mmCIF file of all heavy atoms, coordinates in Angstrom:
data_MODEL
# 
_entry.id   MODEL 
# 
loop_
_atom_site.group_PDB 
_atom_site.id 
_atom_site.type_symbol 
_atom_site.label_atom_id 
_atom_site.label_alt_id 
_atom_site.label_comp_id 
_atom_site.label_asym_id 
_atom_site.label_entity_id 
_atom_site.label_seq_id 
_atom_site.pdbx_PDB_ins_code 
_atom_site.Cartn_x 
_atom_site.Cartn_y 
_atom_site.Cartn_z 
_atom_site.occupancy 
_atom_site.B_iso_or_equiv 
_atom_site.pdbx_formal_charge 
_atom_site.auth_seq_id 
_atom_site.auth_comp_id 
_atom_site.auth_asym_id 
_atom_site.auth_atom_id 
_atom_site.pdbx_PDB_model_num 
ATOM 1   N N   . GLY A 1 1  ? -5.105  2.458   25.335  1.00 0.00 ? 1  GLY A N   1 
ATOM 2   C CA  . GLY A 1 1  ? -3.786  2.709   25.893  1.00 0.00 ? 1  GLY A CA  1 
ATOM 3   C C   . GLY A 1 1  ? -2.689  2.883   24.866  1.00 0.00 ? 1  GLY A C   1 
ATOM 4   O O   . GLY A 1 1  ? -1.628  3.417   25.180  1.00 0.00 ? 1  GLY A O   1 
ATOM 5   N N   . TYR A 1 2  ? -2.923  2.421   23.616  1.00 0.00 ? 2  TYR A N   1 
ATOM 6   C CA  . TYR A 1 2  ? -1.901  2.600   22.578  1.00 0.00 ? 2  TYR A CA  1 
ATOM 7   C C   . TYR A 1 2  ? -1.950  4.053   22.123  1.00 0.00 ? 2  TYR A C   1 
ATOM 8   O O   . TYR A 1 2  ? -2.996  4.543   21.690  1.00 0.00 ? 2  TYR A O   1 
ATOM 9   C CB  . TYR A 1 2  ? -2.169  1.663   21.397  1.00 0.00 ? 2  TYR A CB  1 
ATOM 10  C CG  . TYR A 1 2  ? -1.132  1.750   20.299  1.00 0.00 ? 2  TYR A CG  1 
ATOM 11  C CD1 . TYR A 1 2  ? 0.163   1.270   20.505  1.00 0.00 ? 2  TYR A CD1 1 
ATOM 12  C CD2 . TYR A 1 2  ? -1.436  2.316   19.062  1.00 0.00 ? 2  TYR A CD2 1 
ATOM 13  C CE1 . TYR A 1 2  ? 1.122   1.350   19.502  1.00 0.00 ? 2  TYR A CE1 1 
ATOM 14  C CE2 . TYR A 1 2  ? -0.477  2.396   18.055  1.00 0.00 ? 2  TYR A CE2 1 
ATOM 15  C CZ  . TYR A 1 2  ? 0.797   1.912   18.286  1.00 0.00 ? 2  TYR A CZ  1 
ATOM 16  O OH  . TYR A 1 2  ? 1.742   2.000   17.290  1.00 0.00 ? 2  TYR A OH  1 
ATOM 17  N N   . PRO A 1 3  ? -0.831  4.806   22.253  1.00 0.00 ? 3  PRO A N   1 
ATOM 18  C CA  . PRO A 1 3  ? -0.910  6.260   22.004  1.00 0.00 ? 3  PRO A CA  1 
ATOM 19  C C   . PRO A 1 3  ? -1.226  6.637   20.551  1.00 0.00 ? 3  PRO A C   1 
ATOM 20  O O   . PRO A 1 3  ? -1.892  7.630   20.305  1.00 0.00 ? 3  PRO A O   1 
ATOM 21  C CB  . PRO A 1 3  ? 0.466   6.784   22.428  1.00 0.00 ? 3  PRO A CB  1 
ATOM 22  C CG  . PRO A 1 3  ? 1.364   5.587   22.404  1.00 0.00 ? 3  PRO A CG  1 
ATOM 23  C CD  . PRO A 1 3  ? 0.507   4.404   22.710  1.00 0.00 ? 3  PRO A CD  1 
ATOM 24  N N   . TYR A 1 4  ? -0.735  5.831   19.601  1.00 0.00 ? 4  TYR A N   1 
ATOM 25  C CA  . TYR A 1 4  ? -0.952  6.157   18.178  1.00 0.00 ? 4  TYR A CA  1 
ATOM 26  C C   . TYR A 1 4  ? -2.145  5.341   17.673  1.00 0.00 ? 4  TYR A C   1 
ATOM 27  O O   . TYR A 1 4  ? -2.010  4.457   16.841  1.00 0.00 ? 4  TYR A O   1 
ATOM 28  C CB  . TYR A 1 4  ? 0.309   5.853   17.369  1.00 0.00 ? 4  TYR A CB  1 
ATOM 29  C CG  . TYR A 1 4  ? 1.553   6.478   17.962  1.00 0.00 ? 4  TYR A CG  1 
ATOM 30  C CD1 . TYR A 1 4  ? 2.414   5.713   18.750  1.00 0.00 ? 4  TYR A CD1 1 
ATOM 31  C CD2 . TYR A 1 4  ? 1.852   7.821   17.770  1.00 0.00 ? 4  TYR A CD2 1 
ATOM 32  C CE1 . TYR A 1 4  ? 3.554   6.281   19.319  1.00 0.00 ? 4  TYR A CE1 1 
ATOM 33  C CE2 . TYR A 1 4  ? 2.983   8.397   18.331  1.00 0.00 ? 4  TYR A CE2 1 
ATOM 34  C CZ  . TYR A 1 4  ? 3.830   7.621   19.110  1.00 0.00 ? 4  TYR A CZ  1 
ATOM 35  O OH  . TYR A 1 4  ? 4.949   8.190   19.666  1.00 0.00 ? 4  TYR A OH  1 
ATOM 36  N N   . SER A 1 5  ? -3.320  5.675   18.182  1.00 0.00 ? 5  SER A N   1 
ATOM 37  C CA  . SER A 1 5  ? -4.476  4.778   18.020  1.00 0.00 ? 5  SER A CA  1 
ATOM 38  C C   . SER A 1 5  ? -5.347  5.100   16.806  1.00 0.00 ? 5  SER A C   1 
ATOM 39  O O   . SER A 1 5  ? -6.317  4.398   16.549  1.00 0.00 ? 5  SER A O   1 
ATOM 40  C CB  . SER A 1 5  ? -5.338  4.825   19.281  1.00 0.00 ? 5  SER A CB  1 
ATOM 41  O OG  . SER A 1 5  ? -5.820  6.141   19.490  1.00 0.00 ? 5  SER A OG  1 
ATOM 42  N N   . HIS A 1 6  ? -4.997  6.157   16.056  1.00 0.00 ? 6  HIS A N   1 
ATOM 43  C CA  . HIS A 1 6  ? -5.845  6.553   14.927  1.00 0.00 ? 6  HIS A CA  1 
ATOM 44  C C   . HIS A 1 6  ? -5.156  6.266   13.591  1.00 0.00 ? 6  HIS A C   1 
ATOM 45  O O   . HIS A 1 6  ? -4.033  6.737   13.361  1.00 0.00 ? 6  HIS A O   1 
ATOM 46  C CB  . HIS A 1 6  ? -6.192  8.044   15.010  1.00 0.00 ? 6  HIS A CB  1 
ATOM 47  C CG  . HIS A 1 6  ? -6.995  8.376   16.221  1.00 0.00 ? 6  HIS A CG  1 
ATOM 48  N ND1 . HIS A 1 6  ? -8.360  8.210   16.282  1.00 0.00 ? 6  HIS A ND1 1 
ATOM 49  C CD2 . HIS A 1 6  ? -6.612  8.843   17.443  1.00 0.00 ? 6  HIS A CD2 1 
ATOM 50  C CE1 . HIS A 1 6  ? -8.785  8.567   17.477  1.00 0.00 ? 6  HIS A CE1 1 
ATOM 51  N NE2 . HIS A 1 6  ? -7.751  8.957   18.202  1.00 0.00 ? 6  HIS A NE2 1 
ATOM 52  N N   . PRO A 1 7  ? -5.802  5.506   12.702  1.00 0.00 ? 7  PRO A N   1 
ATOM 53  C CA  . PRO A 1 7  ? -5.221  5.302   11.368  1.00 0.00 ? 7  PRO A CA  1 
ATOM 54  C C   . PRO A 1 7  ? -5.215  6.623   10.606  1.00 0.00 ? 7  PRO A C   1 
ATOM 55  O O   . PRO A 1 7  ? -6.224  7.325   10.579  1.00 0.00 ? 7  PRO A O   1 
ATOM 56  C CB  . PRO A 1 7  ? -6.170  4.287   10.720  1.00 0.00 ? 7  PRO A CB  1 
ATOM 57  C CG  . PRO A 1 7  ? -7.480  4.469   11.433  1.00 0.00 ? 7  PRO A CG  1 
ATOM 58  C CD  . PRO A 1 7  ? -7.150  4.906   12.825  1.00 0.00 ? 7  PRO A CD  1 
ATOM 59  N N   . HIS A 1 8  ? -4.095  6.986   10.012  1.00 0.00 ? 8  HIS A N   1 
ATOM 60  C CA  . HIS A 1 8  ? -3.973  8.269   9.307   1.00 0.00 ? 8  HIS A CA  1 
ATOM 61  C C   . HIS A 1 8  ? -3.867  8.046   7.796   1.00 0.00 ? 8  HIS A C   1 
ATOM 62  O O   . HIS A 1 8  ? -4.759  8.425   7.042   1.00 0.00 ? 8  HIS A O   1 
ATOM 63  C CB  . HIS A 1 8  ? -2.759  9.041   9.831   1.00 0.00 ? 8  HIS A CB  1 
ATOM 64  C CG  . HIS A 1 8  ? -2.642  10.441  9.306   1.00 0.00 ? 8  HIS A CG  1 
ATOM 65  N ND1 . HIS A 1 8  ? -2.179  10.723  8.027   1.00 0.00 ? 8  HIS A ND1 1 
ATOM 66  C CD2 . HIS A 1 8  ? -2.930  11.639  9.869   1.00 0.00 ? 8  HIS A CD2 1 
ATOM 67  C CE1 . HIS A 1 8  ? -2.188  12.037  7.849   1.00 0.00 ? 8  HIS A CE1 1 
ATOM 68  N NE2 . HIS A 1 8  ? -2.632  12.622  8.942   1.00 0.00 ? 8  HIS A NE2 1 
ATOM 69  N N   . THR A 1 9  ? -2.775  7.414   7.353   1.00 0.00 ? 9  THR A N   1 
ATOM 70  C CA  . THR A 1 9  ? -2.558  7.210   5.916   1.00 0.00 ? 9  THR A CA  1 
ATOM 71  C C   . THR A 1 9  ? -1.958  5.830   5.662   1.00 0.00 ? 9  THR A C   1 
ATOM 72  O O   . THR A 1 9  ? -1.023  5.416   6.343   1.00 0.00 ? 9  THR A O   1 
ATOM 73  C CB  . THR A 1 9  ? -1.612  8.288   5.342   1.00 0.00 ? 9  THR A CB  1 
ATOM 74  O OG1 . THR A 1 9  ? -2.145  9.579   5.624   1.00 0.00 ? 9  THR A OG1 1 
ATOM 75  C CG2 . THR A 1 9  ? -1.457  8.134   3.828   1.00 0.00 ? 9  THR A CG2 1 
ATOM 76  N N   . LEU A 1 10 ? -2.521  5.149   4.658   1.00 0.00 ? 10 LEU A N   1 
ATOM 77  C CA  . LEU A 1 10 ? -1.990  3.868   4.183   1.00 0.00 ? 10 LEU A CA  1 
ATOM 78  C C   . LEU A 1 10 ? -1.114  4.126   2.968   1.00 0.00 ? 10 LEU A C   1 
ATOM 79  O O   . LEU A 1 10 ? -1.487  4.905   2.086   1.00 0.00 ? 10 LEU A O   1 
ATOM 80  C CB  . LEU A 1 10 ? -3.139  2.958   3.746   1.00 0.00 ? 10 LEU A CB  1 
ATOM 81  C CG  . LEU A 1 10 ? -3.939  2.265   4.825   1.00 0.00 ? 10 LEU A CG  1 
ATOM 82  C CD1 . LEU A 1 10 ? -5.287  1.868   4.248   1.00 0.00 ? 10 LEU A CD1 1 
ATOM 83  C CD2 . LEU A 1 10 ? -3.204  1.039   5.310   1.00 0.00 ? 10 LEU A CD2 1 
ATOM 84  N N   . PHE A 1 11 ? 0.041   3.457   2.913   1.00 0.00 ? 11 PHE A N   1 
ATOM 85  C CA  . PHE A 1 11 ? 0.933   3.577   1.765   1.00 0.00 ? 11 PHE A CA  1 
ATOM 86  C C   . PHE A 1 11 ? 1.089   2.215   1.113   1.00 0.00 ? 11 PHE A C   1 
ATOM 87  O O   . PHE A 1 11 ? 1.466   1.246   1.782   1.00 0.00 ? 11 PHE A O   1 
ATOM 88  C CB  . PHE A 1 11 ? 2.305   4.107   2.204   1.00 0.00 ? 11 PHE A CB  1 
ATOM 89  C CG  . PHE A 1 11 ? 2.265   5.487   2.804   1.00 0.00 ? 11 PHE A CG  1 
ATOM 90  C CD1 . PHE A 1 11 ? 2.223   5.660   4.177   1.00 0.00 ? 11 PHE A CD1 1 
ATOM 91  C CD2 . PHE A 1 11 ? 2.257   6.617   1.996   1.00 0.00 ? 11 PHE A CD2 1 
ATOM 92  C CE1 . PHE A 1 11 ? 2.183   6.933   4.748   1.00 0.00 ? 11 PHE A CE1 1 
ATOM 93  C CE2 . PHE A 1 11 ? 2.213   7.891   2.537   1.00 0.00 ? 11 PHE A CE2 1 
ATOM 94  C CZ  . PHE A 1 11 ? 2.180   8.049   3.914   1.00 0.00 ? 11 PHE A CZ  1 
ATOM 95  N N   . PHE A 1 12 ? 0.792   2.145   -0.184  1.00 0.00 ? 12 PHE A N   1 
ATOM 96  C CA  . PHE A 1 12 ? 0.942   0.902   -0.944  1.00 0.00 ? 12 PHE A CA  1 
ATOM 97  C C   . PHE A 1 12 ? 2.045   1.073   -1.968  1.00 0.00 ? 12 PHE A C   1 
ATOM 98  O O   . PHE A 1 12 ? 1.961   1.950   -2.838  1.00 0.00 ? 12 PHE A O   1 
ATOM 99  C CB  . PHE A 1 12 ? -0.366  0.545   -1.648  1.00 0.00 ? 12 PHE A CB  1 
ATOM 100 C CG  . PHE A 1 12 ? -1.444  0.105   -0.699  1.00 0.00 ? 12 PHE A CG  1 
ATOM 101 C CD1 . PHE A 1 12 ? -2.412  1.002   -0.270  1.00 0.00 ? 12 PHE A CD1 1 
ATOM 102 C CD2 . PHE A 1 12 ? -1.483  -1.196  -0.231  1.00 0.00 ? 12 PHE A CD2 1 
ATOM 103 C CE1 . PHE A 1 12 ? -3.394  0.604   0.623   1.00 0.00 ? 12 PHE A CE1 1 
ATOM 104 C CE2 . PHE A 1 12 ? -2.472  -1.607  0.645   1.00 0.00 ? 12 PHE A CE2 1 
ATOM 105 C CZ  . PHE A 1 12 ? -3.425  -0.712  1.078   1.00 0.00 ? 12 PHE A CZ  1 
ATOM 106 N N   . LEU A 1 13 ? 3.098   0.238   -1.861  1.00 0.00 ? 13 LEU A N   1 
ATOM 107 C CA  . LEU A 1 13 ? 4.217   0.293   -2.795  1.00 0.00 ? 13 LEU A CA  1 
ATOM 108 C C   . LEU A 1 13 ? 4.103   -0.881  -3.754  1.00 0.00 ? 13 LEU A C   1 
ATOM 109 O O   . LEU A 1 13 ? 4.247   -2.036  -3.358  1.00 0.00 ? 13 LEU A O   1 
ATOM 110 C CB  . LEU A 1 13 ? 5.544   0.231   -2.034  1.00 0.00 ? 13 LEU A CB  1 
ATOM 111 C CG  . LEU A 1 13 ? 5.723   1.229   -0.869  1.00 0.00 ? 13 LEU A CG  1 
ATOM 112 C CD1 . LEU A 1 13 ? 7.121   1.100   -0.280  1.00 0.00 ? 13 LEU A CD1 1 
ATOM 113 C CD2 . LEU A 1 13 ? 5.445   2.660   -1.305  1.00 0.00 ? 13 LEU A CD2 1 
ATOM 114 N N   . GLU A 1 14 ? 3.807   -0.574  -5.009  1.00 0.00 ? 14 GLU A N   1 
ATOM 115 C CA  . GLU A 1 14 ? 3.709   -1.613  -6.038  1.00 0.00 ? 14 GLU A CA  1 
ATOM 116 C C   . GLU A 1 14 ? 5.081   -1.777  -6.660  1.00 0.00 ? 14 GLU A C   1 
ATOM 117 O O   . GLU A 1 14 ? 5.390   -1.195  -7.693  1.00 0.00 ? 14 GLU A O   1 
ATOM 118 C CB  . GLU A 1 14 ? 2.668   -1.203  -7.090  1.00 0.00 ? 14 GLU A CB  1 
ATOM 119 C CG  . GLU A 1 14 ? 1.243   -1.425  -6.647  1.00 0.00 ? 14 GLU A CG  1 
ATOM 120 C CD  . GLU A 1 14 ? 0.961   -2.888  -6.344  1.00 0.00 ? 14 GLU A CD  1 
ATOM 121 O OE1 . GLU A 1 14 ? 1.212   -3.740  -7.216  1.00 0.00 ? 14 GLU A OE1 1 
ATOM 122 O OE2 . GLU A 1 14 ? 0.500   -3.184  -5.228  1.00 0.00 ? 14 GLU A OE2 1 
ATOM 123 N N   . SER A 1 15 ? 5.922   -2.589  -6.001  1.00 0.00 ? 15 SER A N   1 
ATOM 124 C CA  . SER A 1 15 ? 7.339   -2.593  -6.370  1.00 0.00 ? 15 SER A CA  1 
ATOM 125 C C   . SER A 1 15 ? 7.802   -3.887  -7.045  1.00 0.00 ? 15 SER A C   1 
ATOM 126 O O   . SER A 1 15 ? 9.007   -4.106  -7.161  1.00 0.00 ? 15 SER A O   1 
ATOM 127 C CB  . SER A 1 15 ? 8.195   -2.313  -5.126  1.00 0.00 ? 15 SER A CB  1 
ATOM 128 O OG  . SER A 1 15 ? 7.846   -3.189  -4.079  1.00 0.00 ? 15 SER A OG  1 
ATOM 129 N N   . ALA A 1 16 ? 6.871   -4.727  -7.494  1.00 0.00 ? 16 ALA A N   1 
ATOM 130 C CA  . ALA A 1 16 ? 7.283   -5.943  -8.215  1.00 0.00 ? 16 ALA A CA  1 
ATOM 131 C C   . ALA A 1 16 ? 7.967   -5.558  -9.525  1.00 0.00 ? 16 ALA A C   1 
ATOM 132 O O   . ALA A 1 16 ? 7.519   -4.651  -10.238 1.00 0.00 ? 16 ALA A O   1 
ATOM 133 C CB  . ALA A 1 16 ? 6.075   -6.829  -8.491  1.00 0.00 ? 16 ALA A CB  1 
ATOM 134 N N   . ASN A 1 17 ? 9.058   -6.242  -9.850  1.00 0.00 ? 17 ASN A N   1 
ATOM 135 C CA  . ASN A 1 17 ? 9.815   -5.912  -11.069 1.00 0.00 ? 17 ASN A CA  1 
ATOM 136 C C   . ASN A 1 17 ? 9.032   -6.228  -12.335 1.00 0.00 ? 17 ASN A C   1 
ATOM 137 O O   . ASN A 1 17 ? 9.091   -5.491  -13.325 1.00 0.00 ? 17 ASN A O   1 
ATOM 138 C CB  . ASN A 1 17 ? 11.133  -6.704  -11.094 1.00 0.00 ? 17 ASN A CB  1 
ATOM 139 C CG  . ASN A 1 17 ? 12.101  -6.198  -10.058 1.00 0.00 ? 17 ASN A CG  1 
ATOM 140 O OD1 . ASN A 1 17 ? 12.159  -5.009  -9.812  1.00 0.00 ? 17 ASN A OD1 1 
ATOM 141 N ND2 . ASN A 1 17 ? 12.849  -7.096  -9.433  1.00 0.00 ? 17 ASN A ND2 1 
ATOM 142 N N   . ILE A 1 18 ? 8.310   -7.342  -12.321 1.00 0.00 ? 18 ILE A N   1 
ATOM 143 C CA  . ILE A 1 18 ? 7.606   -7.804  -13.525 1.00 0.00 ? 18 ILE A CA  1 
ATOM 144 C C   . ILE A 1 18 ? 6.206   -7.214  -13.551 1.00 0.00 ? 18 ILE A C   1 
ATOM 145 O O   . ILE A 1 18 ? 5.459   -7.323  -12.570 1.00 0.00 ? 18 ILE A O   1 
ATOM 146 C CB  . ILE A 1 18 ? 7.532   -9.349  -13.547 1.00 0.00 ? 18 ILE A CB  1 
ATOM 147 C CG1 . ILE A 1 18 ? 8.943   -9.946  -13.385 1.00 0.00 ? 18 ILE A CG1 1 
ATOM 148 C CG2 . ILE A 1 18 ? 6.884   -9.864  -14.820 1.00 0.00 ? 18 ILE A CG2 1 
ATOM 149 C CD1 . ILE A 1 18 ? 8.949   -11.413 -13.032 1.00 0.00 ? 18 ILE A CD1 1 
ATOM 150 N N   . ARG A 1 19 ? 5.851   -6.594  -14.677 1.00 0.00 ? 19 ARG A N   1 
ATOM 151 C CA  . ARG A 1 19 ? 4.579   -5.883  -14.785 1.00 0.00 ? 19 ARG A CA  1 
ATOM 152 C C   . ARG A 1 19 ? 3.359   -6.732  -14.405 1.00 0.00 ? 19 ARG A C   1 
ATOM 153 O O   . ARG A 1 19 ? 2.485   -6.252  -13.671 1.00 0.00 ? 19 ARG A O   1 
ATOM 154 C CB  . ARG A 1 19 ? 4.407   -5.301  -16.199 1.00 0.00 ? 19 ARG A CB  1 
ATOM 155 C CG  . ARG A 1 19 ? 3.161   -4.444  -16.360 1.00 0.00 ? 19 ARG A CG  1 
ATOM 156 C CD  . ARG A 1 19 ? 3.050   -3.914  -17.785 1.00 0.00 ? 19 ARG A CD  1 
ATOM 157 N NE  . ARG A 1 19 ? 4.065   -2.898  -18.067 1.00 0.00 ? 19 ARG A NE  1 
ATOM 158 C CZ  . ARG A 1 19 ? 3.914   -1.607  -17.805 1.00 0.00 ? 19 ARG A CZ  1 
ATOM 159 N NH1 . ARG A 1 19 ? 2.798   -1.171  -17.252 1.00 0.00 ? 19 ARG A NH1 1 
ATOM 160 N NH2 . ARG A 1 19 ? 4.861   -0.752  -18.107 1.00 0.00 ? 19 ARG A NH2 1 
ATOM 161 N N   . PRO A 1 20 ? 3.250   -8.007  -14.858 1.00 0.00 ? 20 PRO A N   1 
ATOM 162 C CA  . PRO A 1 20 ? 2.061   -8.795  -14.490 1.00 0.00 ? 20 PRO A CA  1 
ATOM 163 C C   . PRO A 1 20 ? 1.903   -9.006  -12.981 1.00 0.00 ? 20 PRO A C   1 
ATOM 164 O O   . PRO A 1 20 ? 0.801   -9.303  -12.509 1.00 0.00 ? 20 PRO A O   1 
ATOM 165 C CB  . PRO A 1 20 ? 2.282   -10.137 -15.208 1.00 0.00 ? 20 PRO A CB  1 
ATOM 166 C CG  . PRO A 1 20 ? 3.223   -9.839  -16.312 1.00 0.00 ? 20 PRO A CG  1 
ATOM 167 C CD  . PRO A 1 20 ? 4.113   -8.743  -15.804 1.00 0.00 ? 20 PRO A CD  1 
ATOM 168 N N   . ASN A 1 21 ? 2.990   -8.857  -12.238 1.00 0.00 ? 21 ASN A N   1 
ATOM 169 C CA  . ASN A 1 21 ? 2.931   -9.037  -10.783 1.00 0.00 ? 21 ASN A CA  1 
ATOM 170 C C   . ASN A 1 21 ? 2.549   -7.760  -10.036 1.00 0.00 ? 21 ASN A C   1 
ATOM 171 O O   . ASN A 1 21 ? 2.416   -7.777  -8.815  1.00 0.00 ? 21 ASN A O   1 
ATOM 172 C CB  . ASN A 1 21 ? 4.274   -9.551  -10.244 1.00 0.00 ? 21 ASN A CB  1 
ATOM 173 C CG  . ASN A 1 21 ? 4.579   -10.950 -10.732 1.00 0.00 ? 21 ASN A CG  1 
ATOM 174 O OD1 . ASN A 1 21 ? 3.705   -11.632 -11.252 1.00 0.00 ? 21 ASN A OD1 1 
ATOM 175 N ND2 . ASN A 1 21 ? 5.829   -11.378 -10.572 1.00 0.00 ? 21 ASN A ND2 1 
ATOM 176 N N   . ARG A 1 22 ? 2.413   -6.659  -10.786 1.00 0.00 ? 22 ARG A N   1 
ATOM 177 C CA  . ARG A 1 22 ? 1.994   -5.402  -10.161 1.00 0.00 ? 22 ARG A CA  1 
ATOM 178 C C   . ARG A 1 22 ? 0.524   -5.151  -10.444 1.00 0.00 ? 22 ARG A C   1 
ATOM 179 O O   . ARG A 1 22 ? 0.004   -5.511  -11.498 1.00 0.00 ? 22 ARG A O   1 
ATOM 180 C CB  . ARG A 1 22 ? 2.803   -4.216  -10.710 1.00 0.00 ? 22 ARG A CB  1 
ATOM 181 C CG  . ARG A 1 22 ? 4.264   -4.231  -10.354 1.00 0.00 ? 22 ARG A CG  1 
ATOM 182 C CD  . ARG A 1 22 ? 4.905   -2.863  -10.591 1.00 0.00 ? 22 ARG A CD  1 
ATOM 183 N NE  . ARG A 1 22 ? 4.853   -2.386  -11.953 1.00 0.00 ? 22 ARG A NE  1 
ATOM 184 C CZ  . ARG A 1 22 ? 5.736   -2.678  -12.901 1.00 0.00 ? 22 ARG A CZ  1 
ATOM 185 N NH1 . ARG A 1 22 ? 6.734   -3.503  -12.641 1.00 0.00 ? 22 ARG A NH1 1 
ATOM 186 N NH2 . ARG A 1 22 ? 5.622   -2.180  -14.114 1.00 0.00 ? 22 ARG A NH2 1 
ATOM 187 N N   . PHE A 1 23 ? -0.150  -4.501  -9.501  1.00 0.00 ? 23 PHE A N   1 
ATOM 188 C CA  . PHE A 1 23 ? -1.518  -4.066  -9.745  1.00 0.00 ? 23 PHE A CA  1 
ATOM 189 C C   . PHE A 1 23 ? -1.512  -2.964  -10.796 1.00 0.00 ? 23 PHE A C   1 
ATOM 190 O O   . PHE A 1 23 ? -0.683  -2.054  -10.736 1.00 0.00 ? 23 PHE A O   1 
ATOM 191 C CB  . PHE A 1 23 ? -2.136  -3.506  -8.458  1.00 0.00 ? 23 PHE A CB  1 
ATOM 192 C CG  . PHE A 1 23 ? -2.708  -4.554  -7.542  1.00 0.00 ? 23 PHE A CG  1 
ATOM 193 C CD1 . PHE A 1 23 ? -1.885  -5.332  -6.742  1.00 0.00 ? 23 PHE A CD1 1 
ATOM 194 C CD2 . PHE A 1 23 ? -4.074  -4.758  -7.474  1.00 0.00 ? 23 PHE A CD2 1 
ATOM 195 C CE1 . PHE A 1 23 ? -2.404  -6.291  -5.906  1.00 0.00 ? 23 PHE A CE1 1 
ATOM 196 C CE2 . PHE A 1 23 ? -4.613  -5.711  -6.638  1.00 0.00 ? 23 PHE A CE2 1 
ATOM 197 C CZ  . PHE A 1 23 ? -3.779  -6.490  -5.845  1.00 0.00 ? 23 PHE A CZ  1 
ATOM 198 N N   . ARG A 1 24 ? -2.430  -3.032  -11.744 1.00 0.00 ? 24 ARG A N   1 
ATOM 199 C CA  . ARG A 1 24 ? -2.626  -1.912  -12.656 1.00 0.00 ? 24 ARG A CA  1 
ATOM 200 C C   . ARG A 1 24 ? -3.210  -0.747  -11.857 1.00 0.00 ? 24 ARG A C   1 
ATOM 201 O O   . ARG A 1 24 ? -3.846  -0.964  -10.815 1.00 0.00 ? 24 ARG A O   1 
ATOM 202 C CB  . ARG A 1 24 ? -3.568  -2.307  -13.803 1.00 0.00 ? 24 ARG A CB  1 
ATOM 203 C CG  . ARG A 1 24 ? -2.999  -3.393  -14.701 1.00 0.00 ? 24 ARG A CG  1 
ATOM 204 C CD  . ARG A 1 24 ? -3.832  -3.572  -15.970 1.00 0.00 ? 24 ARG A CD  1 
ATOM 205 N NE  . ARG A 1 24 ? -5.239  -3.840  -15.691 1.00 0.00 ? 24 ARG A NE  1 
ATOM 206 C CZ  . ARG A 1 24 ? -5.730  -5.032  -15.369 1.00 0.00 ? 24 ARG A CZ  1 
ATOM 207 N NH1 . ARG A 1 24 ? -4.923  -6.080  -15.253 1.00 0.00 ? 24 ARG A NH1 1 
ATOM 208 N NH2 . ARG A 1 24 ? -7.022  -5.193  -15.146 1.00 0.00 ? 24 ARG A NH2 1 
ATOM 209 N N   . PRO A 1 25 ? -3.030  0.507   -12.323 1.00 0.00 ? 25 PRO A N   1 
ATOM 210 C CA  . PRO A 1 25 ? -3.490  1.650   -11.519 1.00 0.00 ? 25 PRO A CA  1 
ATOM 211 C C   . PRO A 1 25 ? -4.945  1.545   -11.055 1.00 0.00 ? 25 PRO A C   1 
ATOM 212 O O   . PRO A 1 25 ? -5.243  1.831   -9.892  1.00 0.00 ? 25 PRO A O   1 
ATOM 213 C CB  . PRO A 1 25 ? -3.285  2.843   -12.468 1.00 0.00 ? 25 PRO A CB  1 
ATOM 214 C CG  . PRO A 1 25 ? -2.112  2.442   -13.309 1.00 0.00 ? 25 PRO A CG  1 
ATOM 215 C CD  . PRO A 1 25 ? -2.276  0.957   -13.512 1.00 0.00 ? 25 PRO A CD  1 
ATOM 216 N N   . GLU A 1 26 ? -5.849  1.114   -11.926 1.00 0.00 ? 26 GLU A N   1 
ATOM 217 C CA  . GLU A 1 26 ? -7.262  1.022   -11.536 1.00 0.00 ? 26 GLU A CA  1 
ATOM 218 C C   . GLU A 1 26 ? -7.463  -0.011  -10.429 1.00 0.00 ? 26 GLU A C   1 
ATOM 219 O O   . GLU A 1 26 ? -8.208  0.209   -9.474  1.00 0.00 ? 26 GLU A O   1 
ATOM 220 C CB  . GLU A 1 26 ? -8.120  0.683   -12.761 1.00 0.00 ? 26 GLU A CB  1 
ATOM 221 C CG  . GLU A 1 26 ? -9.606  0.485   -12.468 1.00 0.00 ? 26 GLU A CG  1 
ATOM 222 C CD  . GLU A 1 26 ? -10.318 1.732   -11.947 1.00 0.00 ? 26 GLU A CD  1 
ATOM 223 O OE1 . GLU A 1 26 ? -9.764  2.858   -12.057 1.00 0.00 ? 26 GLU A OE1 1 
ATOM 224 O OE2 . GLU A 1 26 ? -11.437 1.587   -11.429 1.00 0.00 ? 26 GLU A OE2 1 
ATOM 225 N N   . GLN A 1 27 ? -6.783  -1.163  -10.545 1.00 0.00 ? 27 GLN A N   1 
ATOM 226 C CA  . GLN A 1 27 ? -6.900  -2.191  -9.508  1.00 0.00 ? 27 GLN A CA  1 
ATOM 227 C C   . GLN A 1 27 ? -6.229  -1.743  -8.203  1.00 0.00 ? 27 GLN A C   1 
ATOM 228 O O   . GLN A 1 27 ? -6.699  -2.046  -7.115  1.00 0.00 ? 27 GLN A O   1 
ATOM 229 C CB  . GLN A 1 27 ? -6.274  -3.508  -9.992  1.00 0.00 ? 27 GLN A CB  1 
ATOM 230 C CG  . GLN A 1 27 ? -7.231  -4.426  -10.743 1.00 0.00 ? 27 GLN A CG  1 
ATOM 231 C CD  . GLN A 1 27 ? -7.784  -3.787  -12.009 1.00 0.00 ? 27 GLN A CD  1 
ATOM 232 O OE1 . GLN A 1 27 ? -7.030  -3.217  -12.786 1.00 0.00 ? 27 GLN A OE1 1 
ATOM 233 N NE2 . GLN A 1 27 ? -9.084  -3.876  -12.225 1.00 0.00 ? 27 GLN A NE2 1 
# 
């Protein structure tokens, strides 16, 4: 019954200011 029932695209924003708190590109 939910009309938008298909997953299309996931968006991940790596927006932590401090580098160690962000995922490296490979991770």
